[in-house]
Amino acid sequence: MPNVGVLGSHGATAVPLLATLLARGRSGVAARIERCVELAGRFAQFVRDDARLELLAPPQTAIVAWRPRDATAFERIRQALPPGSTSTTTLGGEPWFRNVAANPNADVGLVTQAVRRALDAA
């Protein structure tokens, strides 16, 4: 076919989704998504409840963007976070933390404890 390039039609990119559906089924995938959304909501509530933290927006896709209100605490928090649990990003020229609930290394309890410890150490 003239519209298929060197890499083919990329049909194999659906294999991980197919494997997940075969392993968990539709209800299993739905339960995993619901769990991720619930975890993101819990972490976002933690951020909202601590006046020292700022939430960019309520999570719509189980991604929570947040930062300390005191920019000098950013690095202290980054170093305290469990490895692989949180990434950083730049929005509007400012650094933010980014937590994705689907991240297998994202343990809400460990992350909230680490953030509290870092903020209390100031």
PDB file of N, CA and C in Angstrom:
ATOM      1  N   MET A   1       0.845  -1.179   0.000  1.00  0.00           N
ATOM      2  CA  MET A   1       0.000   0.000   0.000  1.00  0.00           C
ATOM      3  C   MET A   1       0.886   1.236   0.000  1.00  0.00           C
ATOM      4  N   PRO A   2       0.554   2.231  -0.770  1.00  0.00           N
ATOM      5  CA  PRO A   2       1.393   3.414  -0.850  1.00  0.00           C
ATOM      6  C   PRO A   2       1.440   4.237   0.441  1.00  0.00           C
ATOM      7  N   ASN A   3       0.476   4.103   1.356  1.00  0.00           N
ATOM      8  CA  ASN A   3       0.492   4.910   2.569  1.00  0.00           C
ATOM      9  C   ASN A   3       1.157   4.195   3.758  1.00  0.00           C
ATOM     10  N   VAL A   4       1.726   3.026   3.543  1.00  0.00           N
ATOM     11  CA  VAL A   4       2.424   2.305   4.604  1.00  0.00           C
ATOM     12  C   VAL A   4       3.916   2.541   4.412  1.00  0.00           C
ATOM     13  N   GLY A   5       4.562   3.103   5.439  1.00  0.00           N
ATOM     14  CA  GLY A   5       5.976   3.443   5.339  1.00  0.00           C
ATOM     15  C   GLY A   5       6.876   2.320   5.805  1.00  0.00           C
ATOM     16  N   VAL A   6       8.124   2.660   6.051  1.00  0.00           N
ATOM     17  CA  VAL A   6       9.151   1.703   6.445  1.00  0.00           C
ATOM     18  C   VAL A   6       8.754   0.947   7.720  1.00  0.00           C
ATOM     19  N   LEU A   7       8.090   1.620   8.648  1.00  0.00           N
ATOM     20  CA  LEU A   7       7.713   0.989   9.904  1.00  0.00           C
ATOM     21  C   LEU A   7       6.392   0.226   9.826  1.00  0.00           C
ATOM     22  N   GLY A   8       5.806   0.142   8.665  1.00  0.00           N
ATOM     23  CA  GLY A   8       4.532  -0.541   8.529  1.00  0.00           C
ATOM     24  C   GLY A   8       3.390   0.346   8.993  1.00  0.00           C
ATOM     25  N   SER A   9       2.301  -0.274   9.379  1.00  0.00           N
ATOM     26  CA  SER A   9       1.120   0.498   9.781  1.00  0.00           C
ATOM     27  C   SER A   9       1.067   0.732  11.284  1.00  0.00           C
ATOM     28  N   HIS A  10       2.056   0.289  12.007  1.00  0.00           N
ATOM     29  CA  HIS A  10       2.126   0.447  13.460  1.00  0.00           C
ATOM     30  C   HIS A  10       1.043  -0.329  14.196  1.00  0.00           C
ATOM     31  N   GLY A  11       0.545  -1.380  13.608  1.00  0.00           N
ATOM     32  CA  GLY A  11      -0.479  -2.190  14.253  1.00  0.00           C
ATOM     33  C   GLY A  11      -0.022  -2.774  15.575  1.00  0.00           C
ATOM     34  N   ALA A  12       1.272  -3.021  15.714  1.00  0.00           N
ATOM     35  CA  ALA A  12       1.788  -3.627  16.943  1.00  0.00           C
ATOM     36  C   ALA A  12       1.728  -2.684  18.139  1.00  0.00           C
ATOM     37  N   THR A  13       1.483  -1.401  17.917  1.00  0.00           N
ATOM     38  CA  THR A  13       1.420  -0.481  19.058  1.00  0.00           C
ATOM     39  C   THR A  13       0.219  -0.775  19.955  1.00  0.00           C
ATOM     40  N   ALA A  14      -0.749  -1.524  19.453  1.00  0.00           N
ATOM     41  CA  ALA A  14      -1.922  -1.880  20.254  1.00  0.00           C
ATOM     42  C   ALA A  14      -1.700  -3.132  21.091  1.00  0.00           C
ATOM     43  N   VAL A  15      -0.574  -3.816  20.914  1.00  0.00           N
ATOM     44  CA  VAL A  15      -0.327  -5.065  21.629  1.00  0.00           C
ATOM     45  C   VAL A  15      -0.335  -4.888  23.155  1.00  0.00           C
ATOM     46  N   PRO A  16       0.305  -3.849  23.737  1.00  0.00           N
ATOM     47  CA  PRO A  16       0.225  -3.700  25.196  1.00  0.00           C
ATOM     48  C   PRO A  16      -1.212  -3.516  25.704  1.00  0.00           C
ATOM     49  N   LEU A  17      -2.027  -2.773  24.974  1.00  0.00           N
ATOM     50  CA  LEU A  17      -3.424  -2.605  25.364  1.00  0.00           C
ATOM     51  C   LEU A  17      -4.163  -3.936  25.272  1.00  0.00           C
ATOM     52  N   LEU A  18      -3.926  -4.681  24.212  1.00  0.00           N
ATOM     53  CA  LEU A  18      -4.558  -5.985  24.050  1.00  0.00           C
ATOM     54  C   LEU A  18      -4.152  -6.915  25.195  1.00  0.00           C
ATOM     55  N   ALA A  19      -2.868  -6.941  25.532  1.00  0.00           N
ATOM     56  CA  ALA A  19      -2.395  -7.800  26.618  1.00  0.00           C
ATOM     57  C   ALA A  19      -3.041  -7.407  27.944  1.00  0.00           C
ATOM     58  N   THR A  20      -3.164  -6.116  28.192  1.00  0.00           N
ATOM     59  CA  THR A  20      -3.801  -5.647  29.425  1.00  0.00           C
ATOM     60  C   THR A  20      -5.265  -6.060  29.468  1.00  0.00           C
ATOM     61  N   LEU A  21      -5.970  -5.889  28.360  1.00  0.00           N
ATOM     62  CA  LEU A  21      -7.379  -6.285  28.314  1.00  0.00           C
ATOM     63  C   LEU A  21      -7.541  -7.792  28.486  1.00  0.00           C
ATOM     64  N   LEU A  22      -6.647  -8.569  27.887  1.00  0.00           N
ATOM     65  CA  LEU A  22      -6.729 -10.020  28.042  1.00  0.00           C
ATOM     66  C   LEU A  22      -6.431 -10.446  29.479  1.00  0.00           C
ATOM     67  N   ALA A  23      -5.486  -9.774  30.113  1.00  0.00           N
ATOM     68  CA  ALA A  23      -5.097 -10.140  31.477  1.00  0.00           C
ATOM     69  C   ALA A  23      -6.106  -9.684  32.514  1.00  0.00           C
ATOM     70  N   ARG A  24      -6.642  -8.476  32.370  1.00  0.00           N
ATOM     71  CA  ARG A  24      -7.515  -7.897  33.396  1.00  0.00           C
ATOM     72  C   ARG A  24      -8.984  -7.863  33.021  1.00  0.00           C
ATOM     73  N   GLY A  25      -9.260  -7.890  31.742  1.00  0.00           N
ATOM     74  CA  GLY A  25     -10.641  -7.753  31.292  1.00  0.00           C
ATOM     75  C   GLY A  25     -11.088  -6.301  31.366  1.00  0.00           C
ATOM     76  N   ARG A  26     -12.231  -6.027  30.781  1.00  0.00           N
ATOM     77  CA  ARG A  26     -12.737  -4.651  30.772  1.00  0.00           C
ATOM     78  C   ARG A  26     -12.990  -4.132  32.178  1.00  0.00           C
ATOM     79  N   SER A  27     -13.577  -4.970  33.028  1.00  0.00           N
ATOM     80  CA  SER A  27     -13.879  -4.513  34.385  1.00  0.00           C
ATOM     81  C   SER A  27     -12.593  -4.295  35.184  1.00  0.00           C
ATOM     82  N   GLY A  28     -11.578  -5.100  34.929  1.00  0.00           N
ATOM     83  CA  GLY A  28     -10.294  -4.911  35.612  1.00  0.00           C
ATOM     84  C   GLY A  28      -9.610  -3.620  35.198  1.00  0.00           C
ATOM     85  N   VAL A  29      -9.663  -3.310  33.914  1.00  0.00           N
ATOM     86  CA  VAL A  29      -9.078  -2.057  33.424  1.00  0.00           C
ATOM     87  C   VAL A  29      -9.867  -0.874  33.990  1.00  0.00           C
ATOM     88  N   ALA A  30     -11.185  -0.985  33.993  1.00  0.00           N
ATOM     89  CA  ALA A  30     -12.012   0.097  34.545  1.00  0.00           C
ATOM     90  C   ALA A  30     -11.714   0.296  36.027  1.00  0.00           C
ATOM     91  N   ALA A  31     -11.559  -0.792  36.780  1.00  0.00           N
ATOM     92  CA  ALA A  31     -11.247  -0.683  38.213  1.00  0.00           C
ATOM     93  C   ALA A  31      -9.894  -0.018  38.431  1.00  0.00           C
ATOM     94  N   ARG A  32      -8.919  -0.335  37.591  1.00  0.00           N
ATOM     95  CA  ARG A  32      -7.584   0.273  37.706  1.00  0.00           C
ATOM     96  C   ARG A  32      -7.670   1.777  37.444  1.00  0.00           C
ATOM     97  N   ILE A  33      -8.401   2.171  36.435  1.00  0.00           N
ATOM     98  CA  ILE A  33      -8.548   3.595  36.127  1.00  0.00           C
ATOM     99  C   ILE A  33      -9.249   4.314  37.278  1.00  0.00           C
ATOM    100  N   GLU A  34     -10.326   3.728  37.793  1.00  0.00           N
ATOM    101  CA  GLU A  34     -11.046   4.339  38.912  1.00  0.00           C
ATOM    102  C   GLU A  34     -10.146   4.479  40.138  1.00  0.00           C
ATOM    103  N   ARG A  35      -9.315   3.475  40.390  1.00  0.00           N
ATOM    104  CA  ARG A  35      -8.384   3.530  41.529  1.00  0.00           C
ATOM    105  C   ARG A  35      -7.381   4.663  41.344  1.00  0.00           C
ATOM    106  N   CYS A  36      -6.872   4.821  40.130  1.00  0.00           N
ATOM    107  CA  CYS A  36      -5.906   5.894  39.853  1.00  0.00           C
ATOM    108  C   CYS A  36      -6.549   7.266  40.057  1.00  0.00           C
ATOM    109  N   VAL A  37      -7.774   7.430  39.605  1.00  0.00           N
ATOM    110  CA  VAL A  37      -8.477   8.707  39.764  1.00  0.00           C
ATOM    111  C   VAL A  37      -8.699   8.983  41.250  1.00  0.00           C
ATOM    112  N   GLU A  38      -9.050   7.943  42.023  1.00  0.00           N
ATOM    113  CA  GLU A  38      -9.265   8.106  43.460  1.00  0.00           C
ATOM    114  C   GLU A  38      -7.962   8.500  44.162  1.00  0.00           C
ATOM    115  N   LEU A  39      -6.844   7.867  43.795  1.00  0.00           N
ATOM    116  CA  LEU A  39      -5.552   8.211  44.387  1.00  0.00           C
ATOM    117  C   LEU A  39      -5.165   9.653  44.072  1.00  0.00           C
ATOM    118  N   ALA A  40      -5.380  10.064  42.842  1.00  0.00           N
ATOM    119  CA  ALA A  40      -5.078  11.451  42.463  1.00  0.00           C
ATOM    120  C   ALA A  40      -5.931  12.415  43.274  1.00  0.00           C
ATOM    121  N   GLY A  41      -7.185  12.079  43.467  1.00  0.00           N
ATOM    122  CA  GLY A  41      -8.069  12.932  44.261  1.00  0.00           C
ATOM    123  C   GLY A  41      -7.610  13.036  45.710  1.00  0.00           C
ATOM    124  N   ARG A  42      -7.159  11.919  46.280  1.00  0.00           N
ATOM    125  CA  ARG A  42      -6.650  11.945  47.658  1.00  0.00           C
ATOM    126  C   ARG A  42      -5.409  12.815  47.770  1.00  0.00           C
ATOM    127  N   PHE A  43      -4.496  12.688  46.805  1.00  0.00           N
ATOM    128  CA  PHE A  43      -3.283  13.497  46.875  1.00  0.00           C
ATOM    129  C   PHE A  43      -3.602  14.972  46.655  1.00  0.00           C
ATOM    130  N   ALA A  44      -4.487  15.265  45.725  1.00  0.00           N
ATOM    131  CA  ALA A  44      -4.884  16.659  45.484  1.00  0.00           C
ATOM    132  C   ALA A  44      -5.517  17.259  46.736  1.00  0.00           C
ATOM    133  N   GLN A  45      -6.296  16.476  47.460  1.00  0.00           N
ATOM    134  CA  GLN A  45      -6.907  16.965  48.694  1.00  0.00           C
ATOM    135  C   GLN A  45      -5.831  17.262  49.736  1.00  0.00           C
ATOM    136  N   PHE A  46      -4.815  16.416  49.822  1.00  0.00           N
ATOM    137  CA  PHE A  46      -3.693  16.673  50.725  1.00  0.00           C
ATOM    138  C   PHE A  46      -3.050  18.020  50.399  1.00  0.00           C
ATOM    139  N   VAL A  47      -2.825  18.282  49.114  1.00  0.00           N
ATOM    140  CA  VAL A  47      -2.211  19.546  48.693  1.00  0.00           C
ATOM    141  C   VAL A  47      -3.131  20.713  49.048  1.00  0.00           C
ATOM    142  N   ARG A  48      -4.417  20.583  48.746  1.00  0.00           N
ATOM    143  CA  ARG A  48      -5.372  21.658  49.060  1.00  0.00           C
ATOM    144  C   ARG A  48      -5.439  21.945  50.553  1.00  0.00           C
ATOM    145  N   ASP A  49      -5.321  20.912  51.375  1.00  0.00           N
ATOM    146  CA  ASP A  49      -5.470  21.061  52.826  1.00  0.00           C
ATOM    147  C   ASP A  49      -4.248  21.674  53.515  1.00  0.00           C
ATOM    148  N   ASP A  50      -3.113  21.698  52.840  1.00  0.00           N
ATOM    149  CA  ASP A  50      -1.895  22.250  53.445  1.00  0.00           C
ATOM    150  C   ASP A  50      -1.654  23.641  52.860  1.00  0.00           C
ATOM    151  N   ALA A  51      -1.777  24.656  53.682  1.00  0.00           N
ATOM    152  CA  ALA A  51      -1.635  26.044  53.222  1.00  0.00           C
ATOM    153  C   ALA A  51      -0.251  26.336  52.653  1.00  0.00           C
ATOM    154  N   ARG A  52       0.714  25.485  52.924  1.00  0.00           N
ATOM    155  CA  ARG A  52       2.071  25.697  52.410  1.00  0.00           C
ATOM    156  C   ARG A  52       2.224  25.215  50.977  1.00  0.00           C
ATOM    157  N   LEU A  53       1.198  24.565  50.444  1.00  0.00           N
ATOM    158  CA  LEU A  53       1.256  23.994  49.106  1.00  0.00           C
ATOM    159  C   LEU A  53       0.224  24.642  48.199  1.00  0.00           C
ATOM    160  N   GLU A  54       0.481  24.558  46.900  1.00  0.00           N
ATOM    161  CA  GLU A  54      -0.416  25.119  45.893  1.00  0.00           C
ATOM    162  C   GLU A  54      -0.730  24.046  44.856  1.00  0.00           C
ATOM    163  N   LEU A  55      -2.007  23.874  44.555  1.00  0.00           N
ATOM    164  CA  LEU A  55      -2.480  22.937  43.538  1.00  0.00           C
ATOM    165  C   LEU A  55      -2.750  23.724  42.262  1.00  0.00           C
ATOM    166  N   LEU A  56      -2.199  23.280  41.143  1.00  0.00           N
ATOM    167  CA  LEU A  56      -2.425  23.995  39.882  1.00  0.00           C
ATOM    168  C   LEU A  56      -3.902  23.975  39.515  1.00  0.00           C
ATOM    169  N   ALA A  57      -4.521  22.805  39.558  1.00  0.00           N
ATOM    170  CA  ALA A  57      -5.939  22.653  39.211  1.00  0.00           C
ATOM    171  C   ALA A  57      -6.403  21.296  39.721  1.00  0.00           C
ATOM    172  N   PRO A  58      -7.689  21.122  39.912  1.00  0.00           N
ATOM    173  CA  PRO A  58      -8.170  19.798  40.310  1.00  0.00           C
ATOM    174  C   PRO A  58      -7.775  18.767  39.243  1.00  0.00           C
ATOM    175  N   PRO A  59      -7.362  17.585  39.658  1.00  0.00           N
ATOM    176  CA  PRO A  59      -6.936  16.591  38.660  1.00  0.00           C
ATOM    177  C   PRO A  59      -8.122  16.081  37.845  1.00  0.00           C
ATOM    178  N   GLN A  60      -7.996  16.121  36.549  1.00  0.00           N
ATOM    179  CA  GLN A  60      -9.035  15.615  35.650  1.00  0.00           C
ATOM    180  C   GLN A  60      -8.646  14.268  35.054  1.00  0.00           C
ATOM    181  N   THR A  61      -7.345  13.996  35.002  1.00  0.00           N
ATOM    182  CA  THR A  61      -6.863  12.776  34.359  1.00  0.00           C
ATOM    183  C   THR A  61      -5.903  12.009  35.261  1.00  0.00           C
ATOM    184  N   ALA A  62      -6.083  12.115  36.560  1.00  0.00           N
ATOM    185  CA  ALA A  62      -5.245  11.438  37.554  1.00  0.00           C
ATOM    186  C   ALA A  62      -3.812  11.959  37.548  1.00  0.00           C
ATOM    187  N   ILE A  63      -3.627  13.176  37.084  1.00  0.00           N
ATOM    188  CA  ILE A  63      -2.328  13.855  37.142  1.00  0.00           C
ATOM    189  C   ILE A  63      -2.493  15.067  38.053  1.00  0.00           C
ATOM    190  N   VAL A  64      -1.611  15.165  39.044  1.00  0.00           N
ATOM    191  CA  VAL A  64      -1.683  16.260  40.009  1.00  0.00           C
ATOM    192  C   VAL A  64      -0.438  17.129  39.852  1.00  0.00           C
ATOM    193  N   ALA A  65      -0.629  18.387  39.495  1.00  0.00           N
ATOM    194  CA  ALA A  65       0.463  19.364  39.410  1.00  0.00           C
ATOM    195  C   ALA A  65       0.380  20.260  40.639  1.00  0.00           C
ATOM    196  N   TRP A  66       1.498  20.373  41.351  1.00  0.00           N
ATOM    197  CA  TRP A  66       1.503  21.102  42.619  1.00  0.00           C
ATOM    198  C   TRP A  66       2.908  21.628  42.891  1.00  0.00           C
ATOM    199  N   ARG A  67       2.997  22.518  43.873  1.00  0.00           N
ATOM    200  CA  ARG A  67       4.294  23.064  44.279  1.00  0.00           C
ATOM    201  C   ARG A  67       4.161  23.698  45.657  1.00  0.00           C
ATOM    202  N   PRO A  68       5.290  23.928  46.306  1.00  0.00           N
ATOM    203  CA  PRO A  68       5.227  24.676  47.568  1.00  0.00           C
ATOM    204  C   PRO A  68       5.020  26.149  47.259  1.00  0.00           C
ATOM    205  N   ARG A  69       4.303  26.836  48.114  1.00  0.00           N
ATOM    206  CA  ARG A  69       4.110  28.283  47.924  1.00  0.00           C
ATOM    207  C   ARG A  69       5.425  29.024  48.122  1.00  0.00           C
ATOM    208  N   ASP A  70       6.266  28.510  49.000  1.00  0.00           N
ATOM    209  CA  ASP A  70       7.596  29.076  49.224  1.00  0.00           C
ATOM    210  C   ASP A  70       8.564  28.379  48.269  1.00  0.00           C
ATOM    211  N   ALA A  71       8.979  29.090  47.228  1.00  0.00           N
ATOM    212  CA  ALA A  71       9.829  28.501  46.199  1.00  0.00           C
ATOM    213  C   ALA A  71      11.140  27.946  46.745  1.00  0.00           C
ATOM    214  N   THR A  72      11.593  28.456  47.876  1.00  0.00           N
ATOM    215  CA  THR A  72      12.859  27.953  48.431  1.00  0.00           C
ATOM    216  C   THR A  72      12.725  26.520  48.954  1.00  0.00           C
ATOM    217  N   ALA A  73      11.500  26.047  49.146  1.00  0.00           N
ATOM    218  CA  ALA A  73      11.279  24.681  49.638  1.00  0.00           C
ATOM    219  C   ALA A  73      11.252  23.655  48.516  1.00  0.00           C
ATOM    220  N   PHE A  74      11.229  24.095  47.272  1.00  0.00           N
ATOM    221  CA  PHE A  74      11.092  23.180  46.135  1.00  0.00           C
ATOM    222  C   PHE A  74      12.184  22.110  46.133  1.00  0.00           C
ATOM    223  N   GLU A  75      13.419  22.519  46.203  1.00  0.00           N
ATOM    224  CA  GLU A  75      14.528  21.566  46.133  1.00  0.00           C
ATOM    225  C   GLU A  75      14.544  20.638  47.345  1.00  0.00           C
ATOM    226  N   ARG A  76      14.240  21.166  48.510  1.00  0.00           N
ATOM    227  CA  ARG A  76      14.206  20.338  49.723  1.00  0.00           C
ATOM    228  C   ARG A  76      13.140  19.245  49.579  1.00  0.00           C
ATOM    229  N   ILE A  77      11.988  19.605  49.043  1.00  0.00           N
ATOM    230  CA  ILE A  77      10.931  18.619  48.830  1.00  0.00           C
ATOM    231  C   ILE A  77      11.356  17.616  47.764  1.00  0.00           C
ATOM    232  N   ARG A  78      11.919  18.096  46.670  1.00  0.00           N
ATOM    233  CA  ARG A  78      12.336  17.197  45.584  1.00  0.00           C
ATOM    234  C   ARG A  78      13.288  16.128  46.104  1.00  0.00           C
ATOM    235  N   GLN A  79      14.227  16.522  46.946  1.00  0.00           N
ATOM    236  CA  GLN A  79      15.195  15.567  47.482  1.00  0.00           C
ATOM    237  C   GLN A  79      14.556  14.587  48.465  1.00  0.00           C
ATOM    238  N   ALA A  80      13.474  14.996  49.116  1.00  0.00           N
ATOM    239  CA  ALA A  80      12.826  14.142  50.113  1.00  0.00           C
ATOM    240  C   ALA A  80      11.856  13.125  49.500  1.00  0.00           C
ATOM    241  N   LEU A  81      11.411  13.364  48.279  1.00  0.00           N
ATOM    242  CA  LEU A  81      10.418  12.496  47.662  1.00  0.00           C
ATOM    243  C   LEU A  81      10.985  11.110  47.356  1.00  0.00           C
ATOM    244  N   PRO A  82      10.163  10.063  47.472  1.00  0.00           N
ATOM    245  CA  PRO A  82      10.629   8.716  47.127  1.00  0.00           C
ATOM    246  C   PRO A  82      11.090   8.666  45.667  1.00  0.00           C
ATOM    247  N   PRO A  83      12.173   7.970  45.386  1.00  0.00           N
ATOM    248  CA  PRO A  83      12.680   7.889  44.010  1.00  0.00           C
ATOM    249  C   PRO A  83      11.615   7.370  43.039  1.00  0.00           C
ATOM    250  N   GLY A  84      11.511   8.052  41.912  1.00  0.00           N
ATOM    251  CA  GLY A  84      10.599   7.637  40.857  1.00  0.00           C
ATOM    252  C   GLY A  84       9.140   7.959  41.098  1.00  0.00           C
ATOM    253  N   SER A  85       8.825   8.613  42.207  1.00  0.00           N
ATOM    254  CA  SER A  85       7.420   8.860  42.538  1.00  0.00           C
ATOM    255  C   SER A  85       6.865  10.128  41.906  1.00  0.00           C
ATOM    256  N   THR A  86       7.717  11.083  41.630  1.00  0.00           N
ATOM    257  CA  THR A  86       7.275  12.417  41.242  1.00  0.00           C
ATOM    258  C   THR A  86       8.221  12.968  40.184  1.00  0.00           C
ATOM    259  N   SER A  87       7.660  13.600  39.181  1.00  0.00           N
ATOM    260  CA  SER A  87       8.502  14.276  38.193  1.00  0.00           C
ATOM    261  C   SER A  87       8.348  15.777  38.383  1.00  0.00           C
ATOM    262  N   THR A  88       9.186  16.532  37.689  1.00  0.00           N
ATOM    263  CA  THR A  88       9.076  17.984  37.715  1.00  0.00           C
ATOM    264  C   THR A  88       8.778  18.469  36.304  1.00  0.00           C
ATOM    265  N   THR A  89       8.176  19.619  36.243  1.00  0.00           N
ATOM    266  CA  THR A  89       7.870  20.235  34.960  1.00  0.00           C
ATOM    267  C   THR A  89       7.935  21.739  35.136  1.00  0.00           C
ATOM    268  N   THR A  90       7.933  22.458  34.046  1.00  0.00           N
ATOM    269  CA  THR A  90       7.927  23.914  34.093  1.00  0.00           C
ATOM    270  C   THR A  90       6.652  24.405  33.428  1.00  0.00           C
ATOM    271  N   LEU A  91       5.889  25.210  34.166  1.00  0.00           N
ATOM    272  CA  LEU A  91       4.653  25.786  33.644  1.00  0.00           C
ATOM    273  C   LEU A  91       4.714  27.289  33.853  1.00  0.00           C
ATOM    274  N   GLY A  92       4.567  28.028  32.795  1.00  0.00           N
ATOM    275  CA  GLY A  92       4.635  29.485  32.898  1.00  0.00           C
ATOM    276  C   GLY A  92       5.980  29.952  33.426  1.00  0.00           C
ATOM    277  N   GLY A  93       7.028  29.202  33.120  1.00  0.00           N
ATOM    278  CA  GLY A  93       8.366  29.563  33.566  1.00  0.00           C
ATOM    279  C   GLY A  93       8.661  29.211  35.020  1.00  0.00           C
ATOM    280  N   GLU A  94       7.729  28.563  35.695  1.00  0.00           N
ATOM    281  CA  GLU A  94       7.880  28.209  37.110  1.00  0.00           C
ATOM    282  C   GLU A  94       7.952  26.690  37.266  1.00  0.00           C
ATOM    283  N   PRO A  95       8.753  26.215  38.218  1.00  0.00           N
ATOM    284  CA  PRO A  95       8.823  24.758  38.441  1.00  0.00           C
ATOM    285  C   PRO A  95       7.609  24.242  39.219  1.00  0.00           C
ATOM    286  N   TRP A  96       7.142  23.082  38.831  1.00  0.00           N
ATOM    287  CA  TRP A  96       6.025  22.400  39.484  1.00  0.00           C
ATOM    288  C   TRP A  96       6.379  20.931  39.630  1.00  0.00           C
ATOM    289  N   PHE A  97       5.792  20.286  40.621  1.00  0.00           N
ATOM    290  CA  PHE A  97       5.867  18.839  40.726  1.00  0.00           C
ATOM    291  C   PHE A  97       4.682  18.257  39.980  1.00  0.00           C
ATOM    292  N   ARG A  98       4.858  17.023  39.522  1.00  0.00           N
ATOM    293  CA  ARG A  98       3.816  16.356  38.747  1.00  0.00           C
ATOM    294  C   ARG A  98       3.741  14.908  39.210  1.00  0.00           C
ATOM    295  N   ASN A  99       2.598  14.534  39.752  1.00  0.00           N
ATOM    296  CA  ASN A  99       2.390  13.154  40.171  1.00  0.00           C
ATOM    297  C   ASN A  99       1.326  12.520  39.291  1.00  0.00           C
ATOM    298  N   VAL A 100       1.629  11.332  38.807  1.00  0.00           N
ATOM    299  CA  VAL A 100       0.720  10.580  37.953  1.00  0.00           C
ATOM    300  C   VAL A 100       0.293   9.340  38.740  1.00  0.00           C
ATOM    301  N   ALA A 101      -0.995   9.222  39.022  1.00  0.00           N
ATOM    302  CA  ALA A 101      -1.477   8.137  39.876  1.00  0.00           C
ATOM    303  C   ALA A 101      -1.238   6.764  39.264  1.00  0.00           C
ATOM    304  N   ALA A 102      -1.115   6.661  37.951  1.00  0.00           N
ATOM    305  CA  ALA A 102      -0.874   5.363  37.317  1.00  0.00           C
ATOM    306  C   ALA A 102       0.571   4.914  37.465  1.00  0.00           C
ATOM    307  N   ASN A 103       1.440   5.796  37.953  1.00  0.00           N
ATOM    308  CA  ASN A 103       2.845   5.456  38.167  1.00  0.00           C
ATOM    309  C   ASN A 103       2.925   4.368  39.231  1.00  0.00           C
ATOM    310  N   PRO A 104       3.512   3.204  38.911  1.00  0.00           N
ATOM    311  CA  PRO A 104       3.589   2.142  39.910  1.00  0.00           C
ATOM    312  C   PRO A 104       4.457   2.509  41.116  1.00  0.00           C
ATOM    313  N   ASN A 105       5.285   3.533  40.993  1.00  0.00           N
ATOM    314  CA  ASN A 105       6.117   3.984  42.116  1.00  0.00           C
ATOM    315  C   ASN A 105       5.435   5.062  42.960  1.00  0.00           C
ATOM    316  N   ALA A 106       4.223   5.441  42.586  1.00  0.00           N
ATOM    317  CA  ALA A 106       3.521   6.517  43.285  1.00  0.00           C
ATOM    318  C   ALA A 106       2.697   5.941  44.433  1.00  0.00           C
ATOM    319  N   ASP A 107       3.216   6.024  45.623  1.00  0.00           N
ATOM    320  CA  ASP A 107       2.516   5.599  46.836  1.00  0.00           C
ATOM    321  C   ASP A 107       2.092   6.882  47.550  1.00  0.00           C
ATOM    322  N   VAL A 108       0.792   7.182  47.543  1.00  0.00           N
ATOM    323  CA  VAL A 108       0.297   8.445  48.087  1.00  0.00           C
ATOM    324  C   VAL A 108       0.747   8.646  49.530  1.00  0.00           C
ATOM    325  N   GLY A 109       0.711   7.600  50.321  1.00  0.00           N
ATOM    326  CA  GLY A 109       1.129   7.715  51.716  1.00  0.00           C
ATOM    327  C   GLY A 109       2.581   8.099  51.860  1.00  0.00           C
ATOM    328  N   LEU A 110       3.454   7.448  51.088  1.00  0.00           N
ATOM    329  CA  LEU A 110       4.886   7.774  51.164  1.00  0.00           C
ATOM    330  C   LEU A 110       5.169   9.188  50.662  1.00  0.00           C
ATOM    331  N   VAL A 111       4.485   9.578  49.598  1.00  0.00           N
ATOM    332  CA  VAL A 111       4.709  10.911  49.044  1.00  0.00           C
ATOM    333  C   VAL A 111       4.241  11.983  50.033  1.00  0.00           C
ATOM    334  N   THR A 112       3.061  11.817  50.602  1.00  0.00           N
ATOM    335  CA  THR A 112       2.568  12.830  51.539  1.00  0.00           C
ATOM    336  C   THR A 112       3.449  12.910  52.782  1.00  0.00           C
ATOM    337  N   GLN A 113       3.925  11.771  53.280  1.00  0.00           N
ATOM    338  CA  GLN A 113       4.833  11.791  54.435  1.00  0.00           C
ATOM    339  C   GLN A 113       6.110  12.535  54.104  1.00  0.00           C
ATOM    340  N   ALA A 114       6.673  12.278  52.939  1.00  0.00           N
ATOM    341  CA  ALA A 114       7.920  12.927  52.535  1.00  0.00           C
ATOM    342  C   ALA A 114       7.729  14.439  52.405  1.00  0.00           C
ATOM    343  N   VAL A 115       6.612  14.852  51.822  1.00  0.00           N
ATOM    344  CA  VAL A 115       6.343  16.290  51.651  1.00  0.00           C
ATOM    345  C   VAL A 115       6.188  16.951  53.022  1.00  0.00           C
ATOM    346  N   ARG A 116       5.419  16.329  53.901  1.00  0.00           N
ATOM    347  CA  ARG A 116       5.231  16.890  55.247  1.00  0.00           C
ATOM    348  C   ARG A 116       6.578  17.045  55.978  1.00  0.00           C
ATOM    349  N   ARG A 117       7.393  15.982  55.935  1.00  0.00           N
ATOM    350  CA  ARG A 117       8.702  16.034  56.599  1.00  0.00           C
ATOM    351  C   ARG A 117       9.559  17.164  56.047  1.00  0.00           C
ATOM    352  N   ALA A 118       9.575  17.311  54.721  1.00  0.00           N
ATOM    353  CA  ALA A 118      10.394  18.357  54.101  1.00  0.00           C
ATOM    354  C   ALA A 118       9.883  19.740  54.473  1.00  0.00           C
ATOM    355  N   LEU A 119       8.582  19.920  54.497  1.00  0.00           N
ATOM    356  CA  LEU A 119       8.020  21.224  54.859  1.00  0.00           C
ATOM    357  C   LEU A 119       8.234  21.532  56.333  1.00  0.00           C
ATOM    358  N   ASP A 120       8.103  20.528  57.175  1.00  0.00           N
ATOM    359  CA  ASP A 120       8.282  20.737  58.625  1.00  0.00           C
ATOM    360  C   ASP A 120       9.729  20.983  58.998  1.00  0.00           C
ATOM    361  N   ALA A 121      10.664  20.556  58.135  1.00  0.00           N
ATOM    362  CA  ALA A 121      12.099  20.727  58.410  1.00  0.00           C
ATOM    363  C   ALA A 121      12.545  22.164  58.216  1.00  0.00           C
ATOM    364  N   ALA A 122      11.712  22.971  57.610  1.00  0.00           N
ATOM    365  CA  ALA A 122      12.086  24.366  57.320  1.00  0.00           C
ATOM    366  C   ALA A 122      12.167  25.191  58.583  1.00  0.00           C
TER     367      ALA A 122
END
